PDB file of N, CA and C in Angstrom:
ATOM      1  N   UNK A   1      99.736  76.375  47.356  1.00  0.00           N
ATOM      2  CA  UNK A   1     100.853  76.001  48.202  1.00  0.00           C
ATOM      3  C   UNK A   1     101.821  77.173  48.396  1.00  0.00           C
ATOM      4  N   UNK A   2     101.898  78.020  47.405  1.00  0.00           N
ATOM      5  CA  UNK A   2     102.832  79.146  47.475  1.00  0.00           C
ATOM      6  C   UNK A   2     102.412  80.152  48.530  1.00  0.00           C
ATOM      7  N   UNK A   3     101.118  80.300  48.773  1.00  0.00           N
ATOM      8  CA  UNK A   3     100.662  81.256  49.786  1.00  0.00           C
ATOM      9  C   UNK A   3     100.782  80.698  51.200  1.00  0.00           C
ATOM     10  N   UNK A   4     100.940  79.391  51.311  1.00  0.00           N
ATOM     11  CA  UNK A   4     101.048  78.751  52.629  1.00  0.00           C
ATOM     12  C   UNK A   4     102.405  79.019  53.286  1.00  0.00           C
ATOM     13  N   UNK A   5     103.462  79.011  52.512  1.00  0.00           N
ATOM     14  CA  UNK A   5     104.815  79.199  53.058  1.00  0.00           C
ATOM     15  C   UNK A   5     104.975  80.551  53.754  1.00  0.00           C
ATOM     16  N   UNK A   6     104.540  81.649  53.174  1.00  0.00           N
ATOM     17  CA  UNK A   6     104.676  82.928  53.887  1.00  0.00           C
ATOM     18  C   UNK A   6     103.855  82.972  55.173  1.00  0.00           C
ATOM     19  N   UNK A   7     102.669  82.360  55.148  1.00  0.00           N
ATOM     20  CA  UNK A   7     101.832  82.337  56.348  1.00  0.00           C
ATOM     21  C   UNK A   7     102.504  81.539  57.457  1.00  0.00           C
ATOM     22  N   UNK A   8     103.061  80.385  57.079  1.00  0.00           N
ATOM     23  CA  UNK A   8     103.788  79.580  58.077  1.00  0.00           C
ATOM     24  C   UNK A   8     105.017  80.320  58.586  1.00  0.00           C
ATOM     25  N   UNK A   9     105.693  81.017  57.689  1.00  0.00           N
ATOM     26  CA  UNK A   9     106.853  81.819  58.089  1.00  0.00           C
ATOM     27  C   UNK A   9     106.463  82.901  59.083  1.00  0.00           C
ATOM     28  N   UNK A  10     105.336  83.559  58.831  1.00  0.00           N
ATOM     29  CA  UNK A  10     104.847  84.590  59.753  1.00  0.00           C
ATOM     30  C   UNK A  10     104.504  83.995  61.112  1.00  0.00           C
ATOM     31  N   UNK A  11     103.853  82.837  61.106  1.00  0.00           N
ATOM     32  CA  UNK A  11     103.509  82.167  62.366  1.00  0.00           C
ATOM     33  C   UNK A  11     104.761  81.776  63.141  1.00  0.00           C
ATOM     34  N   UNK A  12     105.732  81.243  62.444  1.00  0.00           N
ATOM     35  CA  UNK A  12     106.991  80.860  63.096  1.00  0.00           C
ATOM     36  C   UNK A  12     107.720  82.076  63.655  1.00  0.00           C
ATOM     37  N   UNK A  13     107.704  83.167  62.909  1.00  0.00           N
ATOM     38  CA  UNK A  13     108.357  84.387  63.382  1.00  0.00           C
ATOM     39  C   UNK A  13     107.654  84.921  64.624  1.00  0.00           C
ATOM     40  N   UNK A  14     106.322  84.908  64.612  1.00  0.00           N
ATOM     41  CA  UNK A  14     105.575  85.379  65.785  1.00  0.00           C
ATOM     42  C   UNK A  14     105.864  84.488  66.986  1.00  0.00           C
ATOM     43  N   UNK A  15     105.938  83.183  66.781  1.00  0.00           N
ATOM     44  CA  UNK A  15     106.235  82.248  67.874  1.00  0.00           C
ATOM     45  C   UNK A  15     107.648  82.481  68.402  1.00  0.00           C
ATOM     46  N   UNK A  16     108.587  82.751  67.494  1.00  0.00           N
ATOM     47  CA  UNK A  16     109.958  83.035  67.898  1.00  0.00           C
ATOM     48  C   UNK A  16     110.019  84.270  68.787  1.00  0.00           C
ATOM     49  N   UNK A  17     109.308  85.301  68.408  1.00  0.00           N
ATOM     50  CA  UNK A  17     109.277  86.540  69.193  1.00  0.00           C
ATOM     51  C   UNK A  17     108.717  86.264  70.581  1.00  0.00           C
ATOM     52  N   UNK A  18     107.648  85.457  70.650  1.00  0.00           N
ATOM     53  CA  UNK A  18     107.055  85.108  71.950  1.00  0.00           C
ATOM     54  C   UNK A  18     108.054  84.319  72.787  1.00  0.00           C
ATOM     55  N   UNK A  19     108.684  83.314  72.177  1.00  0.00           N
ATOM     56  CA  UNK A  19     109.642  82.478  72.902  1.00  0.00           C
ATOM     57  C   UNK A  19     110.858  83.278  73.347  1.00  0.00           C
ATOM     58  N   UNK A  20     111.325  84.186  72.513  1.00  0.00           N
ATOM     59  CA  UNK A  20     112.481  85.001  72.862  1.00  0.00           C
ATOM     60  C   UNK A  20     112.175  85.904  74.059  1.00  0.00           C
ATOM     61  N   UNK A  21     110.952  86.421  74.138  1.00  0.00           N
ATOM     62  CA  UNK A  21     110.565  87.292  75.243  1.00  0.00           C
ATOM     63  C   UNK A  21     110.193  86.529  76.494  1.00  0.00           C
ATOM     64  N   UNK A  22     110.126  85.206  76.397  1.00  0.00           N
ATOM     65  CA  UNK A  22     109.704  84.397  77.530  1.00  0.00           C
ATOM     66  C   UNK A  22     110.724  84.408  78.670  1.00  0.00           C
ATOM     67  N   UNK A  23     111.994  84.310  78.343  1.00  0.00           N
ATOM     68  CA  UNK A  23     113.022  84.252  79.386  1.00  0.00           C
ATOM     69  C   UNK A  23     113.018  85.502  80.268  1.00  0.00           C
ATOM     70  N   UNK A  24     113.013  86.707  79.704  1.00  0.00           N
ATOM     71  CA  UNK A  24     112.954  87.898  80.572  1.00  0.00           C
ATOM     72  C   UNK A  24     111.661  87.952  81.399  1.00  0.00           C
ATOM     73  N   UNK A  25     110.560  87.482  80.806  1.00  0.00           N
ATOM     74  CA  UNK A  25     109.298  87.465  81.557  1.00  0.00           C
ATOM     75  C   UNK A  25     109.384  86.521  82.746  1.00  0.00           C
ATOM     76  N   UNK A  26     109.959  85.349  82.538  1.00  0.00           N
ATOM     77  CA  UNK A  26     110.116  84.368  83.625  1.00  0.00           C
ATOM     78  C   UNK A  26     111.047  84.929  84.692  1.00  0.00           C
ATOM     79  N   UNK A  27     112.128  85.551  84.283  1.00  0.00           N
ATOM     80  CA  UNK A  27     113.054  86.143  85.254  1.00  0.00           C
ATOM     81  C   UNK A  27     112.366  87.234  86.070  1.00  0.00           C
ATOM     82  N   UNK A  28     111.559  88.038  85.396  1.00  0.00           N
ATOM     83  CA  UNK A  28     110.815  89.095  86.085  1.00  0.00           C
ATOM     84  C   UNK A  28     109.838  88.509  87.098  1.00  0.00           C
ATOM     85  N   UNK A  29     109.111  87.483  86.685  1.00  0.00           N
ATOM     86  CA  UNK A  29     108.178  86.824  87.601  1.00  0.00           C
ATOM     87  C   UNK A  29     108.904  86.209  88.795  1.00  0.00           C
ATOM     88  N   UNK A  30     110.061  85.631  88.541  1.00  0.00           N
ATOM     89  CA  UNK A  30     110.843  85.027  89.628  1.00  0.00           C
ATOM     90  C   UNK A  30     111.297  86.081  90.627  1.00  0.00           C
ATOM     91  N   UNK A  31     111.755  87.228  90.121  1.00  0.00           N
ATOM     92  CA  UNK A  31     112.151  88.309  91.033  1.00  0.00           C
ATOM     93  C   UNK A  31     110.964  88.773  91.863  1.00  0.00           C
ATOM     94  N   UNK A  32     109.813  88.914  91.220  1.00  0.00           N
ATOM     95  CA  UNK A  32     108.600  89.339  91.919  1.00  0.00           C
ATOM     96  C   UNK A  32     108.198  88.314  92.973  1.00  0.00           C
ATOM     97  N   UNK A  33     108.321  87.034  92.619  1.00  0.00           N
ATOM     98  CA  UNK A  33     107.960  85.978  93.559  1.00  0.00           C
ATOM     99  C   UNK A  33     108.876  86.007  94.780  1.00  0.00           C
ATOM    100  N   UNK A  34     110.174  86.197  94.566  1.00  0.00           N
ATOM    101  CA  UNK A  34     111.117  86.279  95.697  1.00  0.00           C
ATOM    102  C   UNK A  34     110.794  87.496  96.549  1.00  0.00           C
ATOM    103  N   UNK A  35     110.434  88.605  95.905  1.00  0.00           N
ATOM    104  CA  UNK A  35     110.079  89.814  96.646  1.00  0.00           C
ATOM    105  C   UNK A  35     108.849  89.546  97.503  1.00  0.00           C
ATOM    106  N   UNK A  36     107.847  88.899  96.925  1.00  0.00           N
ATOM    107  CA  UNK A  36     106.642  88.556  97.680  1.00  0.00           C
ATOM    108  C   UNK A  36     106.972  87.595  98.821  1.00  0.00           C
ATOM    109  N   UNK A  37     107.893  86.670  98.562  1.00  0.00           N
ATOM    110  CA  UNK A  37     108.314  85.732  99.601  1.00  0.00           C
ATOM    111  C   UNK A  37     108.958  86.487 100.761  1.00  0.00           C
ATOM    112  N   UNK A  38     109.776  87.484 100.460  1.00  0.00           N
ATOM    113  CA  UNK A  38     110.416  88.245 101.542  1.00  0.00           C
ATOM    114  C   UNK A  38     109.370  89.044 102.323  1.00  0.00           C
ATOM    115  N   UNK A  39     108.338  89.562 101.624  1.00  0.00           N
ATOM    116  CA  UNK A  39     107.260  90.262 102.323  1.00  0.00           C
ATOM    117  C   UNK A  39     106.509  89.306 103.246  1.00  0.00           C
ATOM    118  N   UNK A  40     106.243  88.097 102.763  1.00  0.00           N
ATOM    119  CA  UNK A  40     105.564  87.097 103.594  1.00  0.00           C
ATOM    120  C   UNK A  40     106.397  86.761 104.834  1.00  0.00           C
ATOM    121  N   UNK A  41     107.699  86.642 104.639  1.00  0.00           N
ATOM    122  CA  UNK A  41     108.585  86.352 105.774  1.00  0.00           C
ATOM    123  C   UNK A  41     108.536  87.486 106.800  1.00  0.00           C
ATOM    124  N   UNK A  42     108.610  88.699 106.306  1.00  0.00           N
ATOM    125  CA  UNK A  42     108.578  89.860 107.199  1.00  0.00           C
ATOM    126  C   UNK A  42     107.254  89.936 107.947  1.00  0.00           C
ATOM    127  N   UNK A  43     106.143  89.695 107.242  1.00  0.00           N
ATOM    128  CA  UNK A  43     104.827  89.697 107.892  1.00  0.00           C
ATOM    129  C   UNK A  43     104.731  88.630 108.967  1.00  0.00           C
ATOM    130  N   UNK A  44     105.306  87.460 108.693  1.00  0.00           N
ATOM    131  CA  UNK A  44     105.271  86.365 109.664  1.00  0.00           C
ATOM    132  C   UNK A  44     106.067  86.716 110.911  1.00  0.00           C
ATOM    133  N   UNK A  45     107.223  87.316 110.732  1.00  0.00           N
ATOM    134  CA  UNK A  45     108.027  87.735 111.891  1.00  0.00           C
ATOM    135  C   UNK A  45     107.275  88.799 112.692  1.00  0.00           C
ATOM    136  N   UNK A  46     106.655  89.749 111.991  1.00  0.00           N
ATOM    137  CA  UNK A  46     105.868  90.778 112.681  1.00  0.00           C
ATOM    138  C   UNK A  46     104.708  90.158 113.464  1.00  0.00           C
ATOM    139  N   UNK A  47     104.021  89.184 112.852  1.00  0.00           N
ATOM    140  CA  UNK A  47     102.938  88.490 113.556  1.00  0.00           C
ATOM    141  C   UNK A  47     103.442  87.826 114.823  1.00  0.00           C
ATOM    142  N   UNK A  48     104.600  87.189 114.710  1.00  0.00           N
ATOM    143  CA  UNK A  48     105.169  86.514 115.880  1.00  0.00           C
ATOM    144  C   UNK A  48     105.464  87.522 116.989  1.00  0.00           C
ATOM    145  N   UNK A  49     106.071  88.625 116.618  1.00  0.00           N
ATOM    146  CA  UNK A  49     106.420  89.644 117.612  1.00  0.00           C
ATOM    147  C   UNK A  49     105.164  90.217 118.259  1.00  0.00           C
ATOM    148  N   UNK A  50     104.162  90.511 117.440  1.00  0.00           N
ATOM    149  CA  UNK A  50     102.927  91.109 117.963  1.00  0.00           C
ATOM    150  C   UNK A  50     102.100  90.146 118.806  1.00  0.00           C
ATOM    151  N   UNK A  51     101.940  88.931 118.314  1.00  0.00           N
ATOM    152  CA  UNK A  51     101.004  88.010 118.945  1.00  0.00           C
ATOM    153  C   UNK A  51     101.611  87.100 119.992  1.00  0.00           C
ATOM    154  N   UNK A  52     102.884  86.751 119.829  1.00  0.00           N
ATOM    155  CA  UNK A  52     103.458  85.721 120.689  1.00  0.00           C
ATOM    156  C   UNK A  52     104.571  86.241 121.578  1.00  0.00           C
ATOM    157  N   UNK A  53     105.545  86.882 120.995  1.00  0.00           N
ATOM    158  CA  UNK A  53     106.745  87.231 121.744  1.00  0.00           C
ATOM    159  C   UNK A  53     106.480  88.207 122.877  1.00  0.00           C
ATOM    160  N   UNK A  54     105.913  89.367 122.557  1.00  0.00           N
ATOM    161  CA  UNK A  54     105.756  90.387 123.584  1.00  0.00           C
ATOM    162  C   UNK A  54     104.411  91.087 123.506  1.00  0.00           C
ATOM    163  N   UNK A  55     103.984  91.383 122.322  1.00  0.00           N
ATOM    164  CA  UNK A  55     102.799  92.192 122.130  1.00  0.00           C
ATOM    165  C   UNK A  55     101.513  91.552 122.587  1.00  0.00           C
ATOM    166  N   UNK A  56     101.469  90.233 122.757  1.00  0.00           N
ATOM    167  CA  UNK A  56     100.235  89.562 123.112  1.00  0.00           C
ATOM    168  C   UNK A  56      99.969  89.492 124.599  1.00  0.00           C
ATOM    169  N   UNK A  57     100.820  90.099 125.398  1.00  0.00           N
ATOM    170  CA  UNK A  57     100.627  90.037 126.861  1.00  0.00           C
ATOM    171  C   UNK A  57      99.400  90.831 127.263  1.00  0.00           C
ATOM    172  N   UNK A  58      98.614  90.216 128.110  1.00  0.00           N
ATOM    173  CA  UNK A  58      97.456  90.910 128.660  1.00  0.00           C
ATOM    174  C   UNK A  58      97.680  91.024 130.161  1.00  0.00           C
ATOM    175  N   UNK A  59      97.889  92.220 130.600  1.00  0.00           N
ATOM    176  CA  UNK A  59      98.160  92.402 132.022  1.00  0.00           C
ATOM    177  C   UNK A  59      96.843  92.536 132.779  1.00  0.00           C
ATOM    178  N   UNK A  60      96.825  91.946 133.935  1.00  0.00           N
ATOM    179  CA  UNK A  60      95.640  92.052 134.787  1.00  0.00           C
ATOM    180  C   UNK A  60      95.650  93.404 135.477  1.00  0.00           C
ATOM    181  N   UNK A  61      94.510  94.034 135.518  1.00  0.00           N
ATOM    182  CA  UNK A  61      94.432  95.334 136.180  1.00  0.00           C
ATOM    183  C   UNK A  61      94.217  95.142 137.672  1.00  0.00           C
ATOM    184  N   UNK A  62      94.431  96.211 138.411  1.00  0.00           N
ATOM    185  CA  UNK A  62      94.275  96.147 139.867  1.00  0.00           C
ATOM    186  C   UNK A  62      92.817  95.966 140.262  1.00  0.00           C
ATOM    187  N   UNK A  63      91.887  96.269 139.375  1.00  0.00           N
ATOM    188  CA  UNK A  63      90.470  96.152 139.716  1.00  0.00           C
ATOM    189  C   UNK A  63      89.951  94.722 139.570  1.00  0.00           C
ATOM    190  N   UNK A  64      90.746  93.821 139.017  1.00  0.00           N
ATOM    191  CA  UNK A  64      90.311  92.420 138.891  1.00  0.00           C
ATOM    192  C   UNK A  64      90.304  91.787 140.284  1.00  0.00           C
ATOM    193  N   UNK A  65      89.132  91.625 140.847  1.00  0.00           N
ATOM    194  CA  UNK A  65      89.018  91.029 142.178  1.00  0.00           C
ATOM    195  C   UNK A  65      88.715  89.550 142.089  1.00  0.00           C
ATOM    196  N   UNK A  66      88.143  89.141 141.016  1.00  0.00           N
ATOM    197  CA  UNK A  66      87.709  87.761 140.902  1.00  0.00           C
ATOM    198  C   UNK A  66      88.862  86.872 140.419  1.00  0.00           C
ATOM    199  N   UNK A  67      89.289  85.955 141.246  1.00  0.00           N
ATOM    200  CA  UNK A  67      90.410  85.071 140.937  1.00  0.00           C
ATOM    201  C   UNK A  67      90.081  84.195 139.731  1.00  0.00           C
ATOM    202  N   UNK A  68      88.846  83.736 139.659  1.00  0.00           N
ATOM    203  CA  UNK A  68      88.432  82.893 138.548  1.00  0.00           C
ATOM    204  C   UNK A  68      88.588  83.633 137.222  1.00  0.00           C
ATOM    205  N   UNK A  69      88.214  84.903 137.194  1.00  0.00           N
ATOM    206  CA  UNK A  69      88.368  85.703 135.979  1.00  0.00           C
ATOM    207  C   UNK A  69      89.836  85.825 135.591  1.00  0.00           C
ATOM    208  N   UNK A  70      90.694  85.997 136.590  1.00  0.00           N
ATOM    209  CA  UNK A  70      92.121  86.113 136.308  1.00  0.00           C
ATOM    210  C   UNK A  70      92.662  84.818 135.708  1.00  0.00           C
ATOM    211  N   UNK A  71      92.281  83.701 136.321  1.00  0.00           N
ATOM    212  CA  UNK A  71      92.754  82.408 135.821  1.00  0.00           C
ATOM    213  C   UNK A  71      92.211  82.156 134.416  1.00  0.00           C
ATOM    214  N   UNK A  72      90.934  82.432 134.226  1.00  0.00           N
ATOM    215  CA  UNK A  72      90.317  82.246 132.916  1.00  0.00           C
ATOM    216  C   UNK A  72      90.970  83.151 131.873  1.00  0.00           C
ATOM    217  N   UNK A  73      91.256  84.367 132.269  1.00  0.00           N
ATOM    218  CA  UNK A  73      91.921  85.301 131.355  1.00  0.00           C
ATOM    219  C   UNK A  73      93.306  84.814 130.964  1.00  0.00           C
ATOM    220  N   UNK A  74      94.055  84.294 131.947  1.00  0.00           N
ATOM    221  CA  UNK A  74      95.389  83.784 131.648  1.00  0.00           C
ATOM    222  C   UNK A  74      95.318  82.545 130.765  1.00  0.00           C
ATOM    223  N   UNK A  75      94.352  81.683 131.050  1.00  0.00           N
ATOM    224  CA  UNK A  75      94.176  80.483 130.244  1.00  0.00           C
ATOM    225  C   UNK A  75      93.802  80.843 128.800  1.00  0.00           C
ATOM    226  N   UNK A  76      92.928  81.799 128.659  1.00  0.00           N
ATOM    227  CA  UNK A  76      92.536  82.258 127.325  1.00  0.00           C
ATOM    228  C   UNK A  76      93.737  82.827 126.582  1.00  0.00           C
ATOM    229  N   UNK A  77      94.552  83.584 127.287  1.00  0.00           N
ATOM    230  CA  UNK A  77      95.749  84.164 126.664  1.00  0.00           C
ATOM    231  C   UNK A  77      96.707  83.069 126.200  1.00  0.00           C
ATOM    232  N   UNK A  78      96.843  82.026 127.007  1.00  0.00           N
ATOM    233  CA  UNK A  78      97.727  80.911 126.634  1.00  0.00           C
ATOM    234  C   UNK A  78      97.186  80.202 125.392  1.00  0.00           C
ATOM    235  N   UNK A  79      95.886  79.957 125.376  1.00  0.00           N
ATOM    236  CA  UNK A  79      95.273  79.288 124.223  1.00  0.00           C
ATOM    237  C   UNK A  79      95.435  80.145 122.967  1.00  0.00           C
ATOM    238  N   UNK A  80      95.228  81.447 123.095  1.00  0.00           N
ATOM    239  CA  UNK A  80      95.401  82.338 121.948  1.00  0.00           C
ATOM    240  C   UNK A  80      96.851  82.307 121.460  1.00  0.00           C
ATOM    241  N   UNK A  81      97.774  82.306 122.416  1.00  0.00           N
ATOM    242  CA  UNK A  81      99.187  82.288 122.050  1.00  0.00           C
ATOM    243  C   UNK A  81      99.527  81.001 121.299  1.00  0.00           C
ATOM    244  N   UNK A  82      98.988  79.871 121.761  1.00  0.00           N
ATOM    245  CA  UNK A  82      99.225  78.598 121.082  1.00  0.00           C
ATOM    246  C   UNK A  82      98.637  78.646 119.669  1.00  0.00           C
ATOM    247  N   UNK A  83      97.437  79.191 119.552  1.00  0.00           N
ATOM    248  CA  UNK A  83      96.782  79.313 118.245  1.00  0.00           C
ATOM    249  C   UNK A  83      97.618  80.187 117.308  1.00  0.00           C
ATOM    250  N   UNK A  84      98.088  81.314 117.814  1.00  0.00           N
ATOM    251  CA  UNK A  84      98.896  82.214 116.996  1.00  0.00           C
ATOM    252  C   UNK A  84     100.207  81.543 116.581  1.00  0.00           C
ATOM    253  N   UNK A  85     100.816  80.811 117.502  1.00  0.00           N
ATOM    254  CA  UNK A  85     102.056  80.113 117.157  1.00  0.00           C
ATOM    255  C   UNK A  85     101.814  79.092 116.060  1.00  0.00           C
ATOM    256  N   UNK A  86     100.688  78.400 116.132  1.00  0.00           N
ATOM    257  CA  UNK A  86     100.349  77.406 115.116  1.00  0.00           C
ATOM    258  C   UNK A  86     100.149  78.085 113.758  1.00  0.00           C
ATOM    259  N   UNK A  87      99.440  79.200 113.735  1.00  0.00           N
ATOM    260  CA  UNK A  87      99.224  79.927 112.488  1.00  0.00           C
ATOM    261  C   UNK A  87     100.553  80.395 111.901  1.00  0.00           C
ATOM    262  N   UNK A  88     101.411  80.912 112.746  1.00  0.00           N
ATOM    263  CA  UNK A  88     102.712  81.397 112.289  1.00  0.00           C
ATOM    264  C   UNK A  88     103.564  80.228 111.798  1.00  0.00           C
ATOM    265  N   UNK A  89     103.499  79.110 112.508  1.00  0.00           N
ATOM    266  CA  UNK A  89     104.230  77.922 112.082  1.00  0.00           C
ATOM    267  C   UNK A  89     103.767  77.453 110.707  1.00  0.00           C
ATOM    268  N   UNK A  90     102.459  77.484 110.484  1.00  0.00           N
ATOM    269  CA  UNK A  90     101.922  77.111 109.173  1.00  0.00           C
ATOM    270  C   UNK A  90     102.413  78.062 108.085  1.00  0.00           C
ATOM    271  N   UNK A  91     102.444  79.356 108.390  1.00  0.00           N
ATOM    272  CA  UNK A  91     102.939  80.336 107.418  1.00  0.00           C
ATOM    273  C   UNK A  91     104.407  80.069 107.087  1.00  0.00           C
ATOM    274  N   UNK A  92     105.194  79.767 108.106  1.00  0.00           N
ATOM    275  CA  UNK A  92     106.618  79.495 107.897  1.00  0.00           C
ATOM    276  C   UNK A  92     106.798  78.263 107.021  1.00  0.00           C
ATOM    277  N   UNK A  93     106.001  77.223 107.259  1.00  0.00           N
ATOM    278  CA  UNK A  93     106.081  76.018 106.433  1.00  0.00           C
ATOM    279  C   UNK A  93     105.742  76.337 104.981  1.00  0.00           C
ATOM    280  N   UNK A  94     104.713  77.143 104.772  1.00  0.00           N
ATOM    281  CA  UNK A  94     104.350  77.537 103.407  1.00  0.00           C
ATOM    282  C   UNK A  94     105.489  78.307 102.739  1.00  0.00           C
ATOM    283  N   UNK A  95     106.098  79.207 103.493  1.00  0.00           N
ATOM    284  CA  UNK A  95     107.213  79.992 102.956  1.00  0.00           C
ATOM    285  C   UNK A  95     108.390  79.075 102.626  1.00  0.00           C
ATOM    286  N   UNK A  96     108.679  78.112 103.490  1.00  0.00           N
ATOM    287  CA  UNK A  96     109.774  77.170 103.231  1.00  0.00           C
ATOM    288  C   UNK A  96     109.503  76.361 101.964  1.00  0.00           C
ATOM    289  N   UNK A  97     108.277  75.875 101.812  1.00  0.00           N
ATOM    290  CA  UNK A  97     107.934  75.102 100.618  1.00  0.00           C
ATOM    291  C   UNK A  97     108.132  75.934  99.364  1.00  0.00           C
ATOM    292  N   UNK A  98     107.635  77.166  99.397  1.00  0.00           N
ATOM    293  CA  UNK A  98     107.766  78.049  98.243  1.00  0.00           C
ATOM    294  C   UNK A  98     109.231  78.352  97.954  1.00  0.00           C
ATOM    295  N   UNK A  99     109.996  78.581  98.993  1.00  0.00           N
ATOM    296  CA  UNK A  99     111.418  78.860  98.841  1.00  0.00           C
ATOM    297  C   UNK A  99     112.155  77.653  98.239  1.00  0.00           C
ATOM    298  N   UNK A 100     111.829  76.457  98.713  1.00  0.00           N
ATOM    299  CA  UNK A 100     112.444  75.253  98.167  1.00  0.00           C
ATOM    300  C   UNK A 100     112.072  75.032  96.700  1.00  0.00           C
ATOM    301  N   UNK A 101     110.807  75.292  96.368  1.00  0.00           N
ATOM    302  CA  UNK A 101     110.378  75.173  94.980  1.00  0.00           C
ATOM    303  C   UNK A 101     111.140  76.160  94.088  1.00  0.00           C
ATOM    304  N   UNK A 102     111.322  77.373  94.588  1.00  0.00           N
ATOM    305  CA  UNK A 102     112.089  78.360  93.831  1.00  0.00           C
ATOM    306  C   UNK A 102     113.536  77.891  93.636  1.00  0.00           C
ATOM    307  N   UNK A 103     114.128  77.384  94.704  1.00  0.00           N
ATOM    308  CA  UNK A 103     115.517  76.926  94.637  1.00  0.00           C
ATOM    309  C   UNK A 103     115.659  75.786  93.634  1.00  0.00           C
ATOM    310  N   UNK A 104     114.696  74.874  93.614  1.00  0.00           N
ATOM    311  CA  UNK A 104     114.760  73.734  92.700  1.00  0.00           C
ATOM    312  C   UNK A 104     114.625  74.178  91.240  1.00  0.00           C
ATOM    313  N   UNK A 105     113.870  75.240  91.008  1.00  0.00           N
ATOM    314  CA  UNK A 105     113.670  75.715  89.636  1.00  0.00           C
ATOM    315  C   UNK A 105     114.883  76.465  89.095  1.00  0.00           C
ATOM    316  N   UNK A 106     115.768  76.914  89.960  1.00  0.00           N
ATOM    317  CA  UNK A 106     116.913  77.693  89.510  1.00  0.00           C
ATOM    318  C   UNK A 106     118.223  76.947  89.660  1.00  0.00           C
ATOM    319  N   UNK A 107     118.145  75.657  89.905  1.00  0.00           N
ATOM    320  CA  UNK A 107     119.370  74.865  90.034  1.00  0.00           C
ATOM    321  C   UNK A 107     119.822  74.390  88.687  1.00  0.00           C
TER     322      UNK A 107
END
């Protein structure tokens, strides 16, 4: 029984050290998560600018003689724009959920 007490003391001390270091580790992870969240937000805004706002425009060239091709091209561009908006909307929802979860954990 006498040899058990020091072993238990050592285990408790090791657990204390782990628990004491846990708070800074959690804070570090939280900072990293917020940083990643800001990167995701920035990427989403860039996607919107590139794909939807301005960068996704496809101009018809002067050599396009076929009206059907022009209409089909415009229709395809509209469908792509809708698809891109949906993808960006999904990303924004994911970011909002993650942001809300973070806020709830730090209240």
